[in-house]
Amino acid sequence: WKTGMAVPRDIAVAYLLQGSFYGHSIYATLYLDAWRKDSVVMLIHHVVTLVLIISSYAFRCQSCPGPRPQGALQYIVAFAAKVLTGQVRELKDVREYDTAEALSPKPSKAE
């Protein structure tokens, strides 16, 4: 890869999707999510990741050394298989909420 060379369409689409996801994540963290103690860290994570994605695309580093996405895909597929086979029933949300409103239990539809 060299700076200025054409990017294959499938790679460009992958960058567009990932960039859009992290761009939306910044918006969602700021305006849609309940504010938690880790919200600032999450916001920094989203901004840094978006900058890395944009830089990688701009400098054509699609094949730079680093972790391979296949490993992440294998992890996701293995986790999904565990969920579908009933080995994992529920995930515990360990995040800390800052507002009392977010801590209060919401009535279920059955009540």
PDB file of N, CA and C in Angstrom:
ATOM      1  N   TRP A   1       0.839  -1.186   0.000  1.00  0.00           N
ATOM      2  CA  TRP A   1       0.000   0.000   0.000  1.00  0.00           C
ATOM      3  C   TRP A   1       0.874   1.236   0.000  1.00  0.00           C
ATOM      4  N   LYS A   2       0.422   2.217  -0.726  1.00  0.00           N
ATOM      5  CA  LYS A   2       1.138   3.480  -0.791  1.00  0.00           C
ATOM      6  C   LYS A   2       0.137   4.613  -0.649  1.00  0.00           C
ATOM      7  N   THR A   3       0.596   5.738  -0.122  1.00  0.00           N
ATOM      8  CA  THR A   3      -0.262   6.905   0.004  1.00  0.00           C
ATOM      9  C   THR A   3      -0.752   7.323  -1.379  1.00  0.00           C
ATOM     10  N   GLY A   4      -2.029   7.577  -1.485  1.00  0.00           N
ATOM     11  CA  GLY A   4      -2.609   8.052  -2.733  1.00  0.00           C
ATOM     12  C   GLY A   4      -3.111   6.964  -3.659  1.00  0.00           C
ATOM     13  N   MET A   5      -2.826   5.704  -3.350  1.00  0.00           N
ATOM     14  CA  MET A   5      -3.306   4.657  -4.254  1.00  0.00           C
ATOM     15  C   MET A   5      -4.784   4.366  -3.997  1.00  0.00           C
ATOM     16  N   ALA A   6      -5.418   3.807  -4.989  1.00  0.00           N
ATOM     17  CA  ALA A   6      -6.851   3.513  -4.894  1.00  0.00           C
ATOM     18  C   ALA A   6      -7.109   2.437  -3.835  1.00  0.00           C
ATOM     19  N   VAL A   7      -8.209   2.613  -3.117  1.00  0.00           N
ATOM     20  CA  VAL A   7      -8.596   1.649  -2.086  1.00  0.00           C
ATOM     21  C   VAL A   7      -9.679   0.748  -2.674  1.00  0.00           C
ATOM     22  N   PRO A   8      -9.528  -0.569  -2.547  1.00  0.00           N
ATOM     23  CA  PRO A   8     -10.576  -1.469  -3.056  1.00  0.00           C
ATOM     24  C   PRO A   8     -11.924  -1.149  -2.398  1.00  0.00           C
ATOM     25  N   ARG A   9     -12.980  -1.360  -3.154  1.00  0.00           N
ATOM     26  CA  ARG A   9     -14.318  -0.995  -2.702  1.00  0.00           C
ATOM     27  C   ARG A   9     -14.700  -1.672  -1.380  1.00  0.00           C
ATOM     28  N   ASP A  10     -14.384  -2.971  -1.209  1.00  0.00           N
ATOM     29  CA  ASP A  10     -14.769  -3.662   0.016  1.00  0.00           C
ATOM     30  C   ASP A  10     -14.035  -3.096   1.237  1.00  0.00           C
ATOM     31  N   ILE A  11     -12.787  -2.698   1.052  1.00  0.00           N
ATOM     32  CA  ILE A  11     -12.024  -2.075   2.150  1.00  0.00           C
ATOM     33  C   ILE A  11     -12.610  -0.702   2.464  1.00  0.00           C
ATOM     34  N   ALA A  12     -12.942   0.076   1.430  1.00  0.00           N
ATOM     35  CA  ALA A  12     -13.529   1.408   1.631  1.00  0.00           C
ATOM     36  C   ALA A  12     -14.864   1.305   2.369  1.00  0.00           C
ATOM     37  N   VAL A  13     -15.667   0.303   2.019  1.00  0.00           N
ATOM     38  CA  VAL A  13     -16.960   0.115   2.686  1.00  0.00           C
ATOM     39  C   VAL A  13     -16.739  -0.249   4.153  1.00  0.00           C
ATOM     40  N   ALA A  14     -15.758  -1.112   4.420  1.00  0.00           N
ATOM     41  CA  ALA A  14     -15.456  -1.480   5.808  1.00  0.00           C
ATOM     42  C   ALA A  14     -15.036  -0.251   6.618  1.00  0.00           C
ATOM     43  N   TYR A  15     -14.206   0.610   6.029  1.00  0.00           N
ATOM     44  CA  TYR A  15     -13.807   1.841   6.717  1.00  0.00           C
ATOM     45  C   TYR A  15     -15.000   2.758   6.934  1.00  0.00           C
ATOM     46  N   LEU A  16     -15.876   2.873   5.948  1.00  0.00           N
ATOM     47  CA  LEU A  16     -17.064   3.714   6.074  1.00  0.00           C
ATOM     48  C   LEU A  16     -17.960   3.216   7.197  1.00  0.00           C
ATOM     49  N   LEU A  17     -18.176   1.907   7.257  1.00  0.00           N
ATOM     50  CA  LEU A  17     -19.034   1.343   8.303  1.00  0.00           C
ATOM     51  C   LEU A  17     -18.422   1.543   9.689  1.00  0.00           C
ATOM     52  N   GLN A  18     -17.140   1.253   9.836  1.00  0.00           N
ATOM     53  CA  GLN A  18     -16.497   1.402  11.139  1.00  0.00           C
ATOM     54  C   GLN A  18     -16.441   2.874  11.558  1.00  0.00           C
ATOM     55  N   GLY A  19     -16.093   3.753  10.622  1.00  0.00           N
ATOM     56  CA  GLY A  19     -16.063   5.180  10.937  1.00  0.00           C
ATOM     57  C   GLY A  19     -17.437   5.701  11.332  1.00  0.00           C
ATOM     58  N   SER A  20     -18.468   5.250  10.625  1.00  0.00           N
ATOM     59  CA  SER A  20     -19.831   5.661  10.952  1.00  0.00           C
ATOM     60  C   SER A  20     -20.239   5.165  12.330  1.00  0.00           C
ATOM     61  N   PHE A  21     -19.874   3.920  12.641  1.00  0.00           N
ATOM     62  CA  PHE A  21     -20.206   3.350  13.946  1.00  0.00           C
ATOM     63  C   PHE A  21     -19.586   4.170  15.072  1.00  0.00           C
ATOM     64  N   TYR A  22     -18.299   4.465  14.968  1.00  0.00           N
ATOM     65  CA  TYR A  22     -17.642   5.202  16.043  1.00  0.00           C
ATOM     66  C   TYR A  22     -18.076   6.670  16.067  1.00  0.00           C
ATOM     67  N   GLY A  23     -18.387   7.249  14.911  1.00  0.00           N
ATOM     68  CA  GLY A  23     -18.937   8.603  14.895  1.00  0.00           C
ATOM     69  C   GLY A  23     -20.276   8.650  15.621  1.00  0.00           C
ATOM     70  N   HIS A  24     -21.136   7.676  15.349  1.00  0.00           N
ATOM     71  CA  HIS A  24     -22.420   7.604  16.045  1.00  0.00           C
ATOM     72  C   HIS A  24     -22.216   7.326  17.532  1.00  0.00           C
ATOM     73  N   SER A  25     -21.228   6.504  17.859  1.00  0.00           N
ATOM     74  CA  SER A  25     -20.971   6.181  19.268  1.00  0.00           C
ATOM     75  C   SER A  25     -20.600   7.421  20.070  1.00  0.00           C
ATOM     76  N   ILE A  26     -19.881   8.337  19.446  1.00  0.00           N
ATOM     77  CA  ILE A  26     -19.549   9.601  20.118  1.00  0.00           C
ATOM     78  C   ILE A  26     -20.838  10.365  20.409  1.00  0.00           C
ATOM     79  N   TYR A  27     -21.694  10.487  19.400  1.00  0.00           N
ATOM     80  CA  TYR A  27     -22.969  11.180  19.577  1.00  0.00           C
ATOM     81  C   TYR A  27     -23.819  10.499  20.646  1.00  0.00           C
ATOM     82  N   ALA A  28     -23.905   9.168  20.584  1.00  0.00           N
ATOM     83  CA  ALA A  28     -24.739   8.428  21.529  1.00  0.00           C
ATOM     84  C   ALA A  28     -24.218   8.569  22.953  1.00  0.00           C
ATOM     85  N   THR A  29     -22.905   8.531  23.133  1.00  0.00           N
ATOM     86  CA  THR A  29     -22.339   8.680  24.474  1.00  0.00           C
ATOM     87  C   THR A  29     -22.638  10.057  25.038  1.00  0.00           C
ATOM     88  N   LEU A  30     -22.581  11.068  24.194  1.00  0.00           N
ATOM     89  CA  LEU A  30     -22.825  12.437  24.667  1.00  0.00           C
ATOM     90  C   LEU A  30     -24.302  12.732  24.917  1.00  0.00           C
ATOM     91  N   TYR A  31     -25.183  12.278  24.035  1.00  0.00           N
ATOM     92  CA  TYR A  31     -26.564  12.745  24.077  1.00  0.00           C
ATOM     93  C   TYR A  31     -27.632  11.681  24.373  1.00  0.00           C
ATOM     94  N   LEU A  32     -27.347  10.415  24.169  1.00  0.00           N
ATOM     95  CA  LEU A  32     -28.385   9.405  24.304  1.00  0.00           C
ATOM     96  C   LEU A  32     -28.230   8.506  25.522  1.00  0.00           C
ATOM     97  N   ASP A  33     -26.997   8.171  25.874  1.00  0.00           N
ATOM     98  CA  ASP A  33     -26.765   7.250  26.992  1.00  0.00           C
ATOM     99  C   ASP A  33     -26.911   7.945  28.334  1.00  0.00           C
ATOM    100  N   ALA A  34     -27.268   7.157  29.350  1.00  0.00           N
ATOM    101  CA  ALA A  34     -27.240   7.674  30.722  1.00  0.00           C
ATOM    102  C   ALA A  34     -25.783   7.937  31.080  1.00  0.00           C
ATOM    103  N   TRP A  35     -25.535   9.069  31.727  1.00  0.00           N
ATOM    104  CA  TRP A  35     -24.160   9.426  32.058  1.00  0.00           C
ATOM    105  C   TRP A  35     -23.687   8.570  33.230  1.00  0.00           C
ATOM    106  N   ARG A  36     -22.561   7.877  33.033  1.00  0.00           N
ATOM    107  CA  ARG A  36     -21.996   6.997  34.049  1.00  0.00           C
ATOM    108  C   ARG A  36     -20.582   7.458  34.386  1.00  0.00           C
ATOM    109  N   LYS A  37     -20.004   6.816  35.390  1.00  0.00           N
ATOM    110  CA  LYS A  37     -18.641   7.174  35.787  1.00  0.00           C
ATOM    111  C   LYS A  37     -17.635   6.895  34.680  1.00  0.00           C
ATOM    112  N   ASP A  38     -17.903   5.920  33.837  1.00  0.00           N
ATOM    113  CA  ASP A  38     -16.965   5.583  32.771  1.00  0.00           C
ATOM    114  C   ASP A  38     -17.289   6.271  31.438  1.00  0.00           C
ATOM    115  N   SER A  39     -18.234   7.198  31.420  1.00  0.00           N
ATOM    116  CA  SER A  39     -18.637   7.837  30.171  1.00  0.00           C
ATOM    117  C   SER A  39     -17.510   8.652  29.545  1.00  0.00           C
ATOM    118  N   VAL A  40     -16.710   9.334  30.363  1.00  0.00           N
ATOM    119  CA  VAL A  40     -15.601  10.125  29.830  1.00  0.00           C
ATOM    120  C   VAL A  40     -14.576   9.199  29.173  1.00  0.00           C
ATOM    121  N   VAL A  41     -14.273   8.095  29.831  1.00  0.00           N
ATOM    122  CA  VAL A  41     -13.328   7.130  29.270  1.00  0.00           C
ATOM    123  C   VAL A  41     -13.875   6.552  27.970  1.00  0.00           C
ATOM    124  N   MET A  42     -15.160   6.238  27.949  1.00  0.00           N
ATOM    125  CA  MET A  42     -15.779   5.696  26.743  1.00  0.00           C
ATOM    126  C   MET A  42     -15.729   6.713  25.607  1.00  0.00           C
ATOM    127  N   LEU A  43     -15.979   7.967  25.922  1.00  0.00           N
ATOM    128  CA  LEU A  43     -15.927   9.021  24.920  1.00  0.00           C
ATOM    129  C   LEU A  43     -14.510   9.149  24.352  1.00  0.00           C
ATOM    130  N   ILE A  44     -13.505   9.127  25.221  1.00  0.00           N
ATOM    131  CA  ILE A  44     -12.111   9.195  24.766  1.00  0.00           C
ATOM    132  C   ILE A  44     -11.794   7.993  23.874  1.00  0.00           C
ATOM    133  N   HIS A  45     -12.247   6.815  24.279  1.00  0.00           N
ATOM    134  CA  HIS A  45     -12.029   5.605  23.477  1.00  0.00           C
ATOM    135  C   HIS A  45     -12.608   5.770  22.072  1.00  0.00           C
ATOM    136  N   HIS A  46     -13.844   6.265  21.977  1.00  0.00           N
ATOM    137  CA  HIS A  46     -14.492   6.425  20.675  1.00  0.00           C
ATOM    138  C   HIS A  46     -13.758   7.449  19.810  1.00  0.00           C
ATOM    139  N   VAL A  47     -13.332   8.555  20.400  1.00  0.00           N
ATOM    140  CA  VAL A  47     -12.619   9.595  19.647  1.00  0.00           C
ATOM    141  C   VAL A  47     -11.276   9.057  19.146  1.00  0.00           C
ATOM    142  N   VAL A  48     -10.513   8.411  20.027  1.00  0.00           N
ATOM    143  CA  VAL A  48      -9.202   7.876  19.635  1.00  0.00           C
ATOM    144  C   VAL A  48      -9.369   6.828  18.529  1.00  0.00           C
ATOM    145  N   THR A  49     -10.344   5.946  18.677  1.00  0.00           N
ATOM    146  CA  THR A  49     -10.563   4.906  17.672  1.00  0.00           C
ATOM    147  C   THR A  49     -10.950   5.515  16.331  1.00  0.00           C
ATOM    148  N   LEU A  50     -11.813   6.523  16.343  1.00  0.00           N
ATOM    149  CA  LEU A  50     -12.203   7.175  15.097  1.00  0.00           C
ATOM    150  C   LEU A  50     -10.999   7.852  14.438  1.00  0.00           C
ATOM    151  N   VAL A  51     -10.157   8.498  15.233  1.00  0.00           N
ATOM    152  CA  VAL A  51      -8.945   9.128  14.688  1.00  0.00           C
ATOM    153  C   VAL A  51      -8.025   8.070  14.070  1.00  0.00           C
ATOM    154  N   LEU A  52      -7.880   6.919  14.736  1.00  0.00           N
ATOM    155  CA  LEU A  52      -7.049   5.844  14.196  1.00  0.00           C
ATOM    156  C   LEU A  52      -7.613   5.287  12.895  1.00  0.00           C
ATOM    157  N   ILE A  53      -8.936   5.133  12.829  1.00  0.00           N
ATOM    158  CA  ILE A  53      -9.567   4.630  11.606  1.00  0.00           C
ATOM    159  C   ILE A  53      -9.347   5.605  10.454  1.00  0.00           C
ATOM    160  N   ILE A  54      -9.570   6.882  10.713  1.00  0.00           N
ATOM    161  CA  ILE A  54      -9.398   7.896   9.670  1.00  0.00           C
ATOM    162  C   ILE A  54      -7.938   7.972   9.239  1.00  0.00           C
ATOM    163  N   SER A  55      -7.016   7.931  10.199  1.00  0.00           N
ATOM    164  CA  SER A  55      -5.584   7.983   9.873  1.00  0.00           C
ATOM    165  C   SER A  55      -5.165   6.765   9.068  1.00  0.00           C
ATOM    166  N   SER A  56      -5.644   5.607   9.464  1.00  0.00           N
ATOM    167  CA  SER A  56      -5.315   4.381   8.750  1.00  0.00           C
ATOM    168  C   SER A  56      -5.792   4.459   7.301  1.00  0.00           C
ATOM    169  N   TYR A  57      -6.984   4.972   7.098  1.00  0.00           N
ATOM    170  CA  TYR A  57      -7.505   5.114   5.739  1.00  0.00           C
ATOM    171  C   TYR A  57      -6.710   6.160   4.957  1.00  0.00           C
ATOM    172  N   ALA A  58      -6.432   7.295   5.586  1.00  0.00           N
ATOM    173  CA  ALA A  58      -5.741   8.388   4.902  1.00  0.00           C
ATOM    174  C   ALA A  58      -4.322   7.997   4.493  1.00  0.00           C
ATOM    175  N   PHE A  59      -3.642   7.230   5.334  1.00  0.00           N
ATOM    176  CA  PHE A  59      -2.260   6.849   5.047  1.00  0.00           C
ATOM    177  C   PHE A  59      -2.145   5.454   4.441  1.00  0.00           C
ATOM    178  N   ARG A  60      -3.275   4.852   4.104  1.00  0.00           N
ATOM    179  CA  ARG A  60      -3.332   3.539   3.442  1.00  0.00           C
ATOM    180  C   ARG A  60      -2.598   2.461   4.246  1.00  0.00           C
ATOM    181  N   CYS A  61      -2.919   2.386   5.532  1.00  0.00           N
ATOM    182  CA  CYS A  61      -2.289   1.386   6.400  1.00  0.00           C
ATOM    183  C   CYS A  61      -3.202   0.191   6.615  1.00  0.00           C
ATOM    184  N   GLN A  62      -3.913  -0.233   5.596  1.00  0.00           N
ATOM    185  CA  GLN A  62      -4.832  -1.345   5.748  1.00  0.00           C
ATOM    186  C   GLN A  62      -4.109  -2.651   6.035  1.00  0.00           C
ATOM    187  N   SER A  63      -2.843  -2.755   5.664  1.00  0.00           N
ATOM    188  CA  SER A  63      -2.113  -4.000   5.885  1.00  0.00           C
ATOM    189  C   SER A  63      -0.926  -3.797   6.825  1.00  0.00           C
ATOM    190  N   CYS A  64      -0.990  -2.781   7.681  1.00  0.00           N
ATOM    191  CA  CYS A  64       0.082  -2.552   8.643  1.00  0.00           C
ATOM    192  C   CYS A  64       0.106  -3.684   9.660  1.00  0.00           C
ATOM    193  N   PRO A  65       1.281  -3.952  10.246  1.00  0.00           N
ATOM    194  CA  PRO A  65       1.340  -5.005  11.265  1.00  0.00           C
ATOM    195  C   PRO A  65       0.452  -4.665  12.455  1.00  0.00           C
ATOM    196  N   GLY A  66      -0.094  -5.664  13.066  1.00  0.00           N
ATOM    197  CA  GLY A  66      -0.952  -5.461  14.222  1.00  0.00           C
ATOM    198  C   GLY A  66      -1.929  -6.604  14.355  1.00  0.00           C
ATOM    199  N   PRO A  67      -2.846  -6.484  15.311  1.00  0.00           N
ATOM    200  CA  PRO A  67      -3.806  -7.570  15.499  1.00  0.00           C
ATOM    201  C   PRO A  67      -4.653  -7.788  14.249  1.00  0.00           C
ATOM    202  N   ARG A  68      -4.937  -8.996  13.964  1.00  0.00           N
ATOM    203  CA  ARG A  68      -5.738  -9.337  12.790  1.00  0.00           C
ATOM    204  C   ARG A  68      -7.215  -9.415  13.168  1.00  0.00           C
ATOM    205  N   PRO A  69      -8.093  -8.889  12.330  1.00  0.00           N
ATOM    206  CA  PRO A  69      -9.528  -8.931  12.652  1.00  0.00           C
ATOM    207  C   PRO A  69     -10.092 -10.342  12.676  1.00  0.00           C
ATOM    208  N   GLN A  70      -9.398 -11.308  12.060  1.00  0.00           N
ATOM    209  CA  GLN A  70      -9.917 -12.674  12.062  1.00  0.00           C
ATOM    210  C   GLN A  70     -10.016 -13.206  13.489  1.00  0.00           C
ATOM    211  N   GLY A  71      -9.054 -12.829  14.363  1.00  0.00           N
ATOM    212  CA  GLY A  71      -9.088 -13.287  15.756  1.00  0.00           C
ATOM    213  C   GLY A  71     -10.317 -12.773  16.473  1.00  0.00           C
ATOM    214  N   ALA A  72     -10.657 -11.512  16.231  1.00  0.00           N
ATOM    215  CA  ALA A  72     -11.851 -10.938  16.849  1.00  0.00           C
ATOM    216  C   ALA A  72     -13.102 -11.620  16.307  1.00  0.00           C
ATOM    217  N   LEU A  73     -13.109 -11.898  15.024  1.00  0.00           N
ATOM    218  CA  LEU A  73     -14.261 -12.568  14.429  1.00  0.00           C
ATOM    219  C   LEU A  73     -14.428 -13.969  15.017  1.00  0.00           C
ATOM    220  N   GLN A  74     -13.333 -14.677  15.198  1.00  0.00           N
ATOM    221  CA  GLN A  74     -13.403 -16.011  15.791  1.00  0.00           C
ATOM    222  C   GLN A  74     -13.951 -15.944  17.218  1.00  0.00           C
ATOM    223  N   TYR A  75     -13.527 -14.945  17.977  1.00  0.00           N
ATOM    224  CA  TYR A  75     -14.023 -14.773  19.343  1.00  0.00           C
ATOM    225  C   TYR A  75     -15.532 -14.511  19.338  1.00  0.00           C
ATOM    226  N   ILE A  76     -15.975 -13.638  18.447  1.00  0.00           N
ATOM    227  CA  ILE A  76     -17.394 -13.290  18.376  1.00  0.00           C
ATOM    228  C   ILE A  76     -18.225 -14.518  17.981  1.00  0.00           C
ATOM    229  N   VAL A  77     -17.752 -15.270  16.997  1.00  0.00           N
ATOM    230  CA  VAL A  77     -18.480 -16.466  16.564  1.00  0.00           C
ATOM    231  C   VAL A  77     -18.544 -17.491  17.694  1.00  0.00           C
ATOM    232  N   ALA A  78     -17.420 -17.690  18.404  1.00  0.00           N
ATOM    233  CA  ALA A  78     -17.403 -18.641  19.518  1.00  0.00           C
ATOM    234  C   ALA A  78     -18.354 -18.197  20.630  1.00  0.00           C
ATOM    235  N   PHE A  79     -18.373 -16.901  20.930  1.00  0.00           N
ATOM    236  CA  PHE A  79     -19.263 -16.382  21.966  1.00  0.00           C
ATOM    237  C   PHE A  79     -20.726 -16.536  21.544  1.00  0.00           C
ATOM    238  N   ALA A  80     -21.017 -16.226  20.280  1.00  0.00           N
ATOM    239  CA  ALA A  80     -22.390 -16.371  19.783  1.00  0.00           C
ATOM    240  C   ALA A  80     -22.834 -17.830  19.857  1.00  0.00           C
ATOM    241  N   ALA A  81     -21.931 -18.747  19.554  1.00  0.00           N
ATOM    242  CA  ALA A  81     -22.263 -20.177  19.644  1.00  0.00           C
ATOM    243  C   ALA A  81     -22.591 -20.566  21.083  1.00  0.00           C
ATOM    244  N   LYS A  82     -21.841 -20.025  22.049  1.00  0.00           N
ATOM    245  CA  LYS A  82     -22.121 -20.315  23.459  1.00  0.00           C
ATOM    246  C   LYS A  82     -23.489 -19.773  23.868  1.00  0.00           C
ATOM    247  N   VAL A  83     -23.827 -18.582  23.390  1.00  0.00           N
ATOM    248  CA  VAL A  83     -25.131 -17.998  23.719  1.00  0.00           C
ATOM    249  C   VAL A  83     -26.248 -18.829  23.097  1.00  0.00           C
ATOM    250  N   LEU A  84     -26.079 -19.208  21.846  1.00  0.00           N
ATOM    251  CA  LEU A  84     -27.126 -19.956  21.139  1.00  0.00           C
ATOM    252  C   LEU A  84     -27.320 -21.369  21.691  1.00  0.00           C
ATOM    253  N   THR A  85     -26.250 -21.957  22.242  1.00  0.00           N
ATOM    254  CA  THR A  85     -26.364 -23.306  22.798  1.00  0.00           C
ATOM    255  C   THR A  85     -26.740 -23.293  24.272  1.00  0.00           C
ATOM    256  N   GLY A  86     -26.910 -22.104  24.853  1.00  0.00           N
ATOM    257  CA  GLY A  86     -27.353 -22.005  26.238  1.00  0.00           C
ATOM    258  C   GLY A  86     -26.234 -22.061  27.266  1.00  0.00           C
ATOM    259  N   GLN A  87     -24.988 -22.041  26.844  1.00  0.00           N
ATOM    260  CA  GLN A  87     -23.876 -22.065  27.786  1.00  0.00           C
ATOM    261  C   GLN A  87     -23.725 -20.724  28.508  1.00  0.00           C
ATOM    262  N   VAL A  88     -24.139 -19.641  27.866  1.00  0.00           N
ATOM    263  CA  VAL A  88     -24.140 -18.314  28.476  1.00  0.00           C
ATOM    264  C   VAL A  88     -25.576 -17.830  28.452  1.00  0.00           C
ATOM    265  N   ARG A  89     -26.131 -17.612  29.631  1.00  0.00           N
ATOM    266  CA  ARG A  89     -27.538 -17.214  29.700  1.00  0.00           C
ATOM    267  C   ARG A  89     -27.715 -15.709  29.880  1.00  0.00           C
ATOM    268  N   GLU A  90     -26.859 -15.092  30.652  1.00  0.00           N
ATOM    269  CA  GLU A  90     -27.046 -13.680  30.947  1.00  0.00           C
ATOM    270  C   GLU A  90     -25.695 -13.039  31.216  1.00  0.00           C
ATOM    271  N   LEU A  91     -25.539 -11.808  30.756  1.00  0.00           N
ATOM    272  CA  LEU A  91     -24.335 -11.047  31.038  1.00  0.00           C
ATOM    273  C   LEU A  91     -24.636 -10.050  32.146  1.00  0.00           C
ATOM    274  N   LYS A  92     -23.725  -9.927  33.085  1.00  0.00           N
ATOM    275  CA  LYS A  92     -23.912  -8.993  34.183  1.00  0.00           C
ATOM    276  C   LYS A  92     -23.369  -7.625  33.780  1.00  0.00           C
ATOM    277  N   ASP A  93     -24.188  -6.607  33.922  1.00  0.00           N
ATOM    278  CA  ASP A  93     -23.773  -5.242  33.626  1.00  0.00           C
ATOM    279  C   ASP A  93     -23.072  -4.697  34.865  1.00  0.00           C
ATOM    280  N   VAL A  94     -21.766  -4.513  34.788  1.00  0.00           N
ATOM    281  CA  VAL A  94     -20.994  -4.075  35.948  1.00  0.00           C
ATOM    282  C   VAL A  94     -20.661  -2.588  35.900  1.00  0.00           C
ATOM    283  N   ARG A  95     -21.254  -1.880  34.956  1.00  0.00           N
ATOM    284  CA  ARG A  95     -20.986  -0.445  34.879  1.00  0.00           C
ATOM    285  C   ARG A  95     -21.643   0.277  36.042  1.00  0.00           C
ATOM    286  N   GLU A  96     -21.025   1.382  36.450  1.00  0.00           N
ATOM    287  CA  GLU A  96     -21.561   2.176  37.553  1.00  0.00           C
ATOM    288  C   GLU A  96     -22.286   3.389  36.983  1.00  0.00           C
ATOM    289  N   TYR A  97     -23.505   3.598  37.441  1.00  0.00           N
ATOM    290  CA  TYR A  97     -24.302   4.730  36.983  1.00  0.00           C
ATOM    291  C   TYR A  97     -24.167   5.879  37.969  1.00  0.00           C
ATOM    292  N   ASP A  98     -24.170   7.097  37.440  1.00  0.00           N
ATOM    293  CA  ASP A  98     -24.028   8.270  38.284  1.00  0.00           C
ATOM    294  C   ASP A  98     -25.349   8.813  38.780  1.00  0.00           C
ATOM    295  N   THR A  99     -26.405   8.570  38.054  1.00  0.00           N
ATOM    296  CA  THR A  99     -27.675   9.181  38.424  1.00  0.00           C
ATOM    297  C   THR A  99     -28.553   8.185  39.161  1.00  0.00           C
ATOM    298  N   ALA A 100     -29.291   8.687  40.137  1.00  0.00           N
ATOM    299  CA  ALA A 100     -30.214   7.828  40.879  1.00  0.00           C
ATOM    300  C   ALA A 100     -31.313   7.323  39.955  1.00  0.00           C
ATOM    301  N   GLU A 101     -31.663   8.123  38.951  1.00  0.00           N
ATOM    302  CA  GLU A 101     -32.703   7.742  38.011  1.00  0.00           C
ATOM    303  C   GLU A 101     -32.309   6.482  37.238  1.00  0.00           C
ATOM    304  N   ALA A 102     -31.046   6.390  36.860  1.00  0.00           N
ATOM    305  CA  ALA A 102     -30.596   5.228  36.117  1.00  0.00           C
ATOM    306  C   ALA A 102     -30.536   3.990  36.996  1.00  0.00           C
ATOM    307  N   LEU A 103     -30.396   4.168  38.320  1.00  0.00           N
ATOM    308  CA  LEU A 103     -30.311   3.046  39.244  1.00  0.00           C
ATOM    309  C   LEU A 103     -31.670   2.476  39.614  1.00  0.00           C
ATOM    310  N   SER A 104     -32.701   3.309  39.538  1.00  0.00           N
ATOM    311  CA  SER A 104     -34.015   2.842  39.959  1.00  0.00           C
ATOM    312  C   SER A 104     -34.541   1.792  38.993  1.00  0.00           C
ATOM    313  N   PRO A 105     -35.103   0.710  39.548  1.00  0.00           N
ATOM    314  CA  PRO A 105     -35.626  -0.339  38.662  1.00  0.00           C
ATOM    315  C   PRO A 105     -36.848   0.146  37.903  1.00  0.00           C
ATOM    316  N   LYS A 106     -36.925  -0.224  36.653  1.00  0.00           N
ATOM    317  CA  LYS A 106     -38.062   0.172  35.824  1.00  0.00           C
ATOM    318  C   LYS A 106     -39.122  -0.906  35.936  1.00  0.00           C
ATOM    319  N   PRO A 107     -40.389  -0.525  36.024  1.00  0.00           N
ATOM    320  CA  PRO A 107     -41.450  -1.521  36.122  1.00  0.00           C
ATOM    321  C   PRO A 107     -41.513  -2.336  34.834  1.00  0.00           C
ATOM    322  N   SER A 108     -41.769  -3.622  35.009  1.00  0.00           N
ATOM    323  CA  SER A 108     -41.880  -4.475  33.821  1.00  0.00           C
ATOM    324  C   SER A 108     -43.279  -4.360  33.244  1.00  0.00           C
ATOM    325  N   LYS A 109     -43.465  -4.878  32.061  1.00  0.00           N
ATOM    326  CA  LYS A 109     -44.773  -4.814  31.419  1.00  0.00           C
ATOM    327  C   LYS A 109     -45.812  -5.658  32.152  1.00  0.00           C
ATOM    328  N   ALA A 110     -45.338  -6.671  32.901  1.00  0.00           N
ATOM    329  CA  ALA A 110     -46.254  -7.539  33.624  1.00  0.00           C
ATOM    330  C   ALA A 110     -46.872  -6.859  34.851  1.00  0.00           C
ATOM    331  N   GLU A 111     -46.217  -5.820  35.356  1.00  0.00           N
ATOM    332  CA  GLU A 111     -46.732  -5.147  36.568  1.00  0.00           C
ATOM    333  C   GLU A 111     -47.828  -4.176  36.268  1.00  0.00           C
TER     334      GLU A 111
END
